[in-house]
Amino acid sequence: MRWRFGDAVVEVEREAGRLRLRTRTGAVLTADAVLSAVGLRPRTALAANAGLAVQRGIVVDAFGASSDPDVFALGDCAHYEAGVMPT
């Protein structure tokens, strides 16, 4: 296993049953499997300006209700008690 922080894969091809990857920095790698992790940061400024409670997303209860009873949030922009839940 090799970690490659701060780089990005720009091309993936299958080659002889393996994966051939080319990164933004020009590195060429081969692998049997690839794990890609991205930083999830919902944009909360509009919700905050509208008076909604925000943390790392729009704060919601288990049903997706925000601090305004007429506004619901779900997916990547919702912040549940357990935190942001990427979809």
N, C-alpha and C. Protein backbone atom coordinates (compact mmCIF):
# COMPACT_ATOMS: atom_id res chain seq x y z
N MET A 1 0.84 -1.16 0.00
CA MET A 1 0.00 0.00 0.00
C MET A 1 0.89 1.23 0.00
N ARG A 2 0.46 2.23 -0.77
CA ARG A 2 1.18 3.49 -0.83
C ARG A 2 0.18 4.63 -0.80
N TRP A 3 0.34 5.55 0.13
CA TRP A 3 -0.52 6.72 0.23
C TRP A 3 0.01 7.81 -0.68
N ARG A 4 -0.88 8.54 -1.35
CA ARG A 4 -0.48 9.62 -2.25
C ARG A 4 -1.33 10.86 -1.94
N PHE A 5 -1.04 11.50 -0.82
CA PHE A 5 -1.78 12.69 -0.43
C PHE A 5 -1.39 13.87 -1.30
N GLY A 6 -2.36 14.73 -1.57
CA GLY A 6 -2.09 15.96 -2.30
C GLY A 6 -1.95 15.79 -3.80
N ASP A 7 -2.20 14.61 -4.32
CA ASP A 7 -2.14 14.37 -5.76
C ASP A 7 -3.54 13.94 -6.18
N ALA A 8 -3.79 13.85 -7.47
CA ALA A 8 -5.10 13.43 -7.95
C ALA A 8 -4.94 12.55 -9.18
N VAL A 9 -5.74 11.52 -9.27
CA VAL A 9 -5.73 10.65 -10.44
C VAL A 9 -6.50 11.36 -11.55
N VAL A 10 -5.90 11.44 -12.73
CA VAL A 10 -6.55 12.09 -13.87
C VAL A 10 -6.93 11.10 -14.96
N GLU A 11 -6.39 9.87 -14.87
CA GLU A 11 -6.69 8.87 -15.89
C GLU A 11 -6.53 7.48 -15.29
N VAL A 12 -7.49 6.60 -15.62
CA VAL A 12 -7.42 5.20 -15.17
C VAL A 12 -7.68 4.33 -16.39
N GLU A 13 -6.82 3.34 -16.61
CA GLU A 13 -7.01 2.39 -17.71
C GLU A 13 -6.78 0.98 -17.19
N ARG A 14 -7.48 0.03 -17.78
CA ARG A 14 -7.21 -1.38 -17.47
C ARG A 14 -6.09 -1.85 -18.37
N GLU A 15 -5.16 -2.56 -17.77
CA GLU A 15 -4.01 -3.06 -18.53
C GLU A 15 -3.62 -4.42 -17.97
N ALA A 16 -3.82 -5.46 -18.74
CA ALA A 16 -3.45 -6.83 -18.34
C ALA A 16 -4.04 -7.21 -16.98
N GLY A 17 -5.32 -6.90 -16.78
CA GLY A 17 -5.99 -7.28 -15.56
C GLY A 17 -5.69 -6.40 -14.36
N ARG A 18 -4.91 -5.35 -14.53
CA ARG A 18 -4.58 -4.42 -13.44
C ARG A 18 -5.05 -3.03 -13.83
N LEU A 19 -4.90 -2.10 -12.93
CA LEU A 19 -5.25 -0.71 -13.20
C LEU A 19 -3.99 0.10 -13.40
N ARG A 20 -3.99 0.91 -14.44
CA ARG A 20 -2.87 1.82 -14.69
C ARG A 20 -3.40 3.22 -14.47
N LEU A 21 -2.77 3.95 -13.55
CA LEU A 21 -3.23 5.28 -13.18
C LEU A 21 -2.18 6.32 -13.51
N ARG A 22 -2.64 7.46 -14.01
CA ARG A 22 -1.75 8.60 -14.22
C ARG A 22 -2.27 9.71 -13.33
N THR A 23 -1.35 10.34 -12.59
CA THR A 23 -1.75 11.39 -11.65
C THR A 23 -1.50 12.77 -12.22
N ARG A 24 -2.04 13.75 -11.54
CA ARG A 24 -1.88 15.15 -11.95
C ARG A 24 -0.41 15.54 -12.01
N THR A 25 0.42 14.96 -11.14
CA THR A 25 1.85 15.29 -11.13
C THR A 25 2.64 14.51 -12.16
N GLY A 26 1.96 13.64 -12.93
CA GLY A 26 2.63 12.87 -13.98
C GLY A 26 3.08 11.49 -13.58
N ALA A 27 2.89 11.10 -12.33
CA ALA A 27 3.28 9.76 -11.89
C ALA A 27 2.39 8.73 -12.57
N VAL A 28 2.97 7.60 -12.93
CA VAL A 28 2.23 6.48 -13.50
C VAL A 28 2.35 5.31 -12.54
N LEU A 29 1.19 4.79 -12.11
CA LEU A 29 1.15 3.73 -11.11
C LEU A 29 0.33 2.57 -11.63
N THR A 30 0.63 1.37 -11.17
CA THR A 30 -0.21 0.22 -11.45
C THR A 30 -0.70 -0.33 -10.12
N ALA A 31 -1.92 -0.85 -10.13
CA ALA A 31 -2.51 -1.33 -8.89
C ALA A 31 -3.56 -2.39 -9.18
N ASP A 32 -3.83 -3.19 -8.17
CA ASP A 32 -4.93 -4.16 -8.25
C ASP A 32 -6.23 -3.51 -7.79
N ALA A 33 -6.12 -2.55 -6.88
CA ALA A 33 -7.29 -1.84 -6.35
C ALA A 33 -6.88 -0.42 -6.00
N VAL A 34 -7.85 0.47 -5.98
CA VAL A 34 -7.60 1.87 -5.66
C VAL A 34 -8.66 2.34 -4.67
N LEU A 35 -8.23 3.03 -3.64
CA LEU A 35 -9.14 3.67 -2.69
C LEU A 35 -8.97 5.16 -2.85
N SER A 36 -10.04 5.84 -3.16
CA SER A 36 -9.99 7.28 -3.34
C SER A 36 -10.81 7.93 -2.24
N ALA A 37 -10.22 8.86 -1.52
CA ALA A 37 -10.92 9.59 -0.47
C ALA A 37 -10.85 11.07 -0.78
N VAL A 38 -12.00 11.74 -0.70
CA VAL A 38 -12.03 13.16 -0.98
C VAL A 38 -12.54 13.90 0.24
N GLY A 39 -12.12 15.12 0.38
CA GLY A 39 -12.58 15.92 1.50
C GLY A 39 -13.98 16.46 1.23
N LEU A 40 -14.87 16.19 2.12
CA LEU A 40 -16.24 16.65 1.97
C LEU A 40 -16.44 17.90 2.80
N ARG A 41 -16.75 19.01 2.17
CA ARG A 41 -17.01 20.27 2.86
C ARG A 41 -18.20 20.95 2.24
N PRO A 42 -19.37 20.70 2.81
CA PRO A 42 -20.55 21.38 2.27
C PRO A 42 -20.41 22.90 2.41
N ARG A 43 -20.95 23.63 1.47
CA ARG A 43 -20.97 25.09 1.54
C ARG A 43 -22.18 25.49 2.38
N THR A 44 -21.93 26.12 3.49
CA THR A 44 -23.01 26.41 4.44
C THR A 44 -23.34 27.90 4.55
N ALA A 45 -22.67 28.75 3.83
CA ALA A 45 -22.87 30.20 3.97
C ALA A 45 -24.32 30.62 3.69
N LEU A 46 -24.92 30.11 2.64
CA LEU A 46 -26.30 30.49 2.31
C LEU A 46 -27.25 30.08 3.43
N ALA A 47 -27.08 28.85 3.94
CA ALA A 47 -27.93 28.37 5.03
C ALA A 47 -27.73 29.22 6.29
N ALA A 48 -26.49 29.53 6.61
CA ALA A 48 -26.21 30.35 7.80
C ALA A 48 -26.80 31.74 7.63
N ASN A 49 -26.67 32.33 6.45
CA ASN A 49 -27.24 33.66 6.19
C ASN A 49 -28.76 33.65 6.26
N ALA A 50 -29.36 32.49 6.01
CA ALA A 50 -30.82 32.35 6.10
C ALA A 50 -31.26 32.07 7.53
N GLY A 51 -30.30 31.98 8.46
CA GLY A 51 -30.64 31.78 9.85
C GLY A 51 -30.70 30.34 10.31
N LEU A 52 -30.29 29.41 9.45
CA LEU A 52 -30.29 28.00 9.84
C LEU A 52 -29.07 27.68 10.68
N ALA A 53 -29.21 26.75 11.61
CA ALA A 53 -28.07 26.28 12.39
C ALA A 53 -27.18 25.45 11.48
N VAL A 54 -25.88 25.74 11.51
CA VAL A 54 -24.92 24.98 10.69
C VAL A 54 -23.74 24.58 11.54
N GLN A 55 -23.15 23.47 11.16
CA GLN A 55 -21.86 23.04 11.70
C GLN A 55 -21.03 22.70 10.48
N ARG A 56 -20.76 21.41 10.25
CA ARG A 56 -20.08 21.03 9.01
C ARG A 56 -21.09 20.84 7.89
N GLY A 57 -22.31 21.16 8.13
CA GLY A 57 -23.43 21.09 7.19
C GLY A 57 -24.61 21.73 7.89
N ILE A 58 -25.78 21.66 7.26
CA ILE A 58 -27.00 22.17 7.89
C ILE A 58 -27.39 21.19 8.99
N VAL A 59 -27.49 21.68 10.22
CA VAL A 59 -27.80 20.81 11.36
C VAL A 59 -29.24 20.32 11.21
N VAL A 60 -29.40 18.99 11.24
CA VAL A 60 -30.73 18.37 11.10
C VAL A 60 -30.92 17.30 12.16
N ASP A 61 -32.19 16.96 12.38
CA ASP A 61 -32.50 15.85 13.28
C ASP A 61 -32.52 14.55 12.47
N ALA A 62 -32.93 13.48 13.08
CA ALA A 62 -32.93 12.17 12.42
C ALA A 62 -33.85 12.12 11.21
N PHE A 63 -34.79 13.07 11.11
CA PHE A 63 -35.74 13.09 10.00
C PHE A 63 -35.34 14.11 8.93
N GLY A 64 -34.21 14.79 9.11
CA GLY A 64 -33.73 15.76 8.14
C GLY A 64 -34.26 17.16 8.35
N ALA A 65 -34.98 17.39 9.45
CA ALA A 65 -35.53 18.72 9.72
C ALA A 65 -34.43 19.63 10.27
N SER A 66 -34.37 20.84 9.75
CA SER A 66 -33.37 21.82 10.20
C SER A 66 -33.92 22.62 11.38
N SER A 67 -33.22 23.67 11.77
CA SER A 67 -33.67 24.53 12.85
C SER A 67 -34.89 25.36 12.45
N ASP A 68 -35.20 25.41 11.17
CA ASP A 68 -36.44 26.03 10.68
C ASP A 68 -37.40 24.89 10.34
N PRO A 69 -38.56 24.83 10.95
CA PRO A 69 -39.46 23.68 10.74
C PRO A 69 -39.94 23.50 9.30
N ASP A 70 -39.76 24.51 8.45
CA ASP A 70 -40.18 24.40 7.05
C ASP A 70 -39.04 24.02 6.12
N VAL A 71 -37.82 23.81 6.67
CA VAL A 71 -36.65 23.51 5.84
C VAL A 71 -36.06 22.17 6.24
N PHE A 72 -35.85 21.33 5.25
CA PHE A 72 -35.22 20.02 5.46
C PHE A 72 -33.95 19.95 4.62
N ALA A 73 -32.99 19.18 5.07
CA ALA A 73 -31.74 18.98 4.31
C ALA A 73 -31.41 17.50 4.32
N LEU A 74 -30.74 17.07 3.29
CA LEU A 74 -30.31 15.68 3.22
C LEU A 74 -29.05 15.57 2.38
N GLY A 75 -28.46 14.42 2.41
CA GLY A 75 -27.28 14.18 1.59
C GLY A 75 -26.04 14.85 2.15
N ASP A 76 -25.16 15.25 1.26
CA ASP A 76 -23.86 15.78 1.64
C ASP A 76 -23.93 17.09 2.42
N CYS A 77 -25.03 17.83 2.31
CA CYS A 77 -25.09 19.13 3.00
C CYS A 77 -25.69 19.03 4.39
N ALA A 78 -26.18 17.87 4.80
CA ALA A 78 -26.82 17.72 6.11
C ALA A 78 -25.81 17.29 7.16
N HIS A 79 -25.93 17.87 8.34
CA HIS A 79 -25.08 17.50 9.48
C HIS A 79 -25.99 16.88 10.54
N TYR A 80 -25.91 15.55 10.64
CA TYR A 80 -26.70 14.82 11.63
C TYR A 80 -25.94 14.79 12.95
N GLU A 81 -26.56 14.29 13.99
CA GLU A 81 -25.90 14.19 15.29
C GLU A 81 -24.56 13.46 15.18
N ALA A 82 -24.50 12.47 14.29
CA ALA A 82 -23.26 11.70 14.09
C ALA A 82 -22.28 12.41 13.16
N GLY A 83 -22.68 13.55 12.58
CA GLY A 83 -21.81 14.30 11.66
C GLY A 83 -22.36 14.29 10.25
N VAL A 84 -21.52 14.67 9.30
CA VAL A 84 -21.91 14.69 7.89
C VAL A 84 -21.95 13.27 7.38
N MET A 85 -23.01 12.93 6.66
CA MET A 85 -23.18 11.59 6.12
C MET A 85 -23.11 11.64 4.60
N PRO A 86 -21.93 11.41 4.01
CA PRO A 86 -21.83 11.46 2.55
C PRO A 86 -22.70 10.41 1.90
N THR A 87 -23.26 10.75 0.74
CA THR A 87 -24.13 9.82 0.02
C THR A 87 -23.41 9.25 -1.16
